[in-house]
Protein backbone atom coordinates (compact mmCIF):
# COMPACT_ATOMS: atom_id res chain seq x y z
CA MET A 1 228.65 160.28 23.18
CA PHE A 2 227.58 157.21 25.05
CA THR A 3 229.11 153.79 25.75
CA GLU A 4 227.25 150.40 24.31
CA GLU A 5 227.15 149.87 28.25
CA GLN A 6 225.47 153.14 28.78
CA GLY A 7 222.83 152.48 26.05
CA ARG A 8 222.25 148.83 27.36
CA LEU A 9 221.52 150.25 30.68
CA MET A 10 219.06 153.11 29.18
CA LEU A 11 217.29 150.49 27.69
CA THR A 12 217.10 148.60 30.96
CA LEU A 13 215.86 151.61 32.74
CA ALA A 14 213.23 152.06 29.72
CA ARG A 15 211.96 148.70 30.23
CA ALA A 16 211.82 148.55 34.01
CA ALA A 17 210.08 152.03 33.80
CA ILE A 18 207.44 150.25 31.83
CA ALA A 19 207.38 146.80 33.88
CA ARG A 20 206.77 149.01 37.29
CA GLU A 21 203.44 150.59 35.78
CA LEU A 22 202.23 147.19 34.93
CA ASP A 23 202.96 145.94 38.56
CA VAL A 24 205.54 143.38 36.76
CA HIS A 25 208.92 142.83 39.37
CA ALA A 26 211.77 144.42 38.07
CA ALA A 27 214.91 144.86 40.12
CA PRO A 28 215.72 148.62 39.91
CA PRO A 29 218.86 148.81 37.65
CA PRO A 30 221.97 151.12 38.89
CA HIS A 31 221.53 154.98 38.37
CA PRO A 32 225.11 156.42 37.45
CA THR A 33 225.53 159.94 37.99
CA TRP A 34 225.59 160.73 34.12
CA LEU A 35 221.77 160.19 34.08
CA ASP A 36 221.49 163.23 36.35
CA GLU A 37 222.47 165.49 33.55
CA THR A 38 219.90 167.21 31.54
CA GLY A 39 218.80 165.44 28.30
CA ALA A 40 216.37 164.87 25.84
CA VAL A 41 215.17 161.14 25.21
CA PHE A 42 212.49 159.64 22.82
CA VAL A 43 211.62 156.02 23.43
CA THR A 44 210.02 153.82 20.48
CA LEU A 45 208.27 150.37 20.88
CA THR A 46 207.83 148.12 18.60
CA GLU A 47 206.09 145.01 18.21
CA ALA A 48 206.80 142.48 15.49
CA GLY A 49 208.51 145.11 13.46
CA ARG A 50 205.35 147.59 13.65
CA LEU A 51 205.38 150.62 15.69
CA ARG A 52 203.70 150.33 19.18
CA GLY A 53 204.29 153.60 20.77
CA CYS A 54 206.73 156.75 20.49
CA ILE A 55 207.25 159.32 22.86
CA GLY A 56 209.94 161.85 23.71
CA SER A 57 211.24 165.36 24.43
CA LEU A 58 212.43 167.70 21.85
CA THR A 59 214.53 169.52 24.16
CA ALA A 60 216.13 168.92 27.11
CA HIS A 61 214.29 170.41 30.25
CA ARG A 62 215.05 167.38 32.95
CA SER A 63 217.39 165.01 33.93
CA LEU A 64 218.43 162.26 31.02
CA GLY A 65 217.00 159.56 33.86
CA ALA A 66 213.97 161.33 34.79
CA ASP A 67 213.09 162.05 30.89
CA LEU A 68 213.99 158.50 29.64
CA GLU A 69 211.72 156.78 32.51
CA HIS A 70 208.85 159.29 31.90
CA ASN A 71 209.00 159.05 27.80
CA ALA A 72 208.99 155.31 28.32
CA ARG A 73 206.08 155.06 30.47
CA ALA A 74 204.40 157.60 27.91
CA ALA A 75 205.02 155.49 24.87
CA ALA A 76 203.82 152.60 26.38
CA PHE A 77 200.55 153.73 27.95
CA ARG A 78 199.78 157.35 26.77
CA ASP A 79 200.53 157.36 23.08
CA PRO A 80 197.17 158.50 21.39
CA ARG A 81 197.59 156.55 18.33
CA PHE A 82 197.69 153.03 20.20
CA PRO A 83 195.76 151.24 23.46
CA ALA A 84 198.06 151.32 26.78
CA LEU A 85 200.32 148.66 26.35
CA SER A 86 199.10 145.30 28.18
CA GLN A 87 201.00 143.10 30.65
CA ALA A 88 200.82 140.32 28.24
CA GLU A 89 202.49 142.57 25.40
CA LEU A 90 205.38 143.48 27.76
CA ALA A 91 207.68 140.68 26.69
CA ARG A 92 206.84 140.53 22.84
CA VAL A 93 207.76 144.78 22.62
CA ARG A 94 211.39 145.82 21.69
CA VAL A 95 212.53 149.18 23.18
CA GLU A 96 214.29 151.75 21.37
CA VAL A 97 215.74 154.73 23.30
CA SER A 98 217.13 157.91 21.09
CA VAL A 99 219.19 160.24 23.11
CA LEU A 100 218.67 163.94 20.90
CA THR A 101 221.31 166.69 20.42
CA PRO A 102 220.30 170.07 20.64
CA ALA A 103 218.09 171.32 17.37
CA THR A 104 219.32 173.95 15.23
CA THR A 105 217.33 176.15 13.30
CA MET A 106 217.60 175.55 9.30
CA THR A 107 217.75 178.44 6.85
CA PHE A 108 216.58 178.27 3.35
CA MET A 109 214.65 180.28 0.74
CA ASP A 110 211.99 177.76 -0.42
CA GLU A 111 210.83 174.33 0.06
CA ALA A 112 213.55 173.01 -2.62
CA ASP A 113 216.31 174.64 -0.76
CA ALA A 114 215.08 173.08 2.65
CA LEU A 115 214.69 169.62 0.67
CA ALA A 116 217.98 169.84 -0.79
CA GLN A 117 219.87 170.57 2.86
CA LEU A 118 218.23 167.74 4.48
CA ARG A 119 220.49 164.65 5.15
CA PRO A 120 218.42 161.38 4.92
CA GLY A 121 219.29 158.81 7.61
CA VAL A 122 221.13 161.49 9.48
CA ASP A 123 218.65 164.38 10.25
CA GLY A 124 215.56 164.61 12.66
CA VAL A 125 213.29 167.16 11.67
CA ILE A 126 210.79 169.31 13.49
CA LEU A 127 208.27 171.09 11.40
CA GLU A 128 206.51 174.21 12.78
CA TYR A 129 203.86 176.72 11.14
CA GLY A 130 201.57 178.50 13.45
CA HIS A 131 200.20 176.02 15.87
CA HIS A 132 201.13 173.23 13.76
CA ARG A 133 204.12 171.20 14.97
CA SER A 134 205.58 167.45 14.13
CA THR A 135 208.88 165.74 14.29
CA PHE A 136 210.39 162.72 12.52
CA LEU A 137 213.57 161.04 14.18
CA PRO A 138 216.12 160.15 11.71
CA GLN A 139 215.17 156.50 11.91
CA VAL A 140 212.09 157.20 9.88
CA TRP A 141 214.17 158.00 6.87
CA GLU A 142 214.39 153.99 6.49
CA GLN A 143 210.49 153.78 5.83
CA LEU A 144 210.92 157.20 3.96
CA PRO A 145 214.04 157.72 1.83
CA ASP A 146 213.05 160.38 -0.36
CA PRO A 147 213.42 163.96 0.97
CA ARG A 148 209.95 165.03 -0.76
CA LEU A 149 207.99 162.10 0.83
CA PHE A 150 209.63 162.68 4.13
CA MET A 151 208.54 166.24 4.15
CA SER A 152 205.13 165.38 2.96
CA GLN A 153 204.36 162.98 5.53
CA LEU A 154 205.79 165.24 8.24
CA LYS A 155 203.57 168.03 7.28
CA GLN A 156 200.73 165.51 7.43
CA LYS A 157 201.76 164.44 10.77
CA ALA A 158 201.46 168.17 11.71
CA GLY A 159 198.01 168.19 10.28
CA LEU A 160 198.65 170.11 7.13
CA SER A 161 198.23 169.11 3.71
CA GLY A 162 201.55 167.17 2.15
CA ASP A 163 201.68 169.68 -0.47
CA PHE A 164 201.40 172.72 1.82
CA TRP A 165 204.03 175.41 2.14
CA ASP A 166 204.48 178.63 3.10
CA LYS A 167 207.21 181.37 3.84
CA ASP A 168 206.68 181.16 7.56
CA VAL A 169 207.14 177.26 7.87
CA ARG A 170 209.96 176.96 9.95
CA LEU A 171 212.28 173.80 10.15
CA SER A 172 215.00 172.59 12.71
CA ARG A 173 217.47 169.66 12.83
CA TYR A 174 218.44 167.19 15.25
CA GLY A 175 220.73 164.07 15.40
CA VAL A 176 220.16 161.24 17.68
CA GLU A 177 222.29 158.64 19.48
CA LYS A 178 220.00 155.33 19.41
CA PHE A 179 220.22 152.14 21.16
CA LYS A 180 217.79 149.27 20.65
CA GLU A 181 217.20 145.98 22.32
CA ASP A 182 218.17 142.60 20.66
CA LEU A 183 215.56 140.72 18.92
CA ALA A 184 215.26 137.78 21.17
């Protein structure tokens, strides 16, 4: 569990990483030792309430600080769904940081069983089938509160049909601790 102060620092670090990439002066924030611990982070950018970029790591493979800064830059400049963030947009985007818990594999008999096990608003979900893979953070439940619709959209994000199901579909779930910049 992170404190609100730690959450604010992570938001500051994410914004500073983006600003540096845009050659906007940003004083380097402090770097406490807890940022050196391994962690997995998603950084989400919104503009006027709409998604503007979202990139992250599903598994912890580097320090929390390095993952945070890398994914902040990736969300701003390398999300293939959006053009690179411009300097003019920087002041308008809102940064959200989600620190992931380790994913746990779900065990289920069929899709109906899997859907019954999902916890709307709590579970982030990873879907895997062959080379298809996608994830939705728990925050996506706010737009897709129905488990069937949530799963259908998750399958489509993976490049599958919304009504696709196969016994070899693998699902994992994870939680997040999220921090979001206040609206200006």
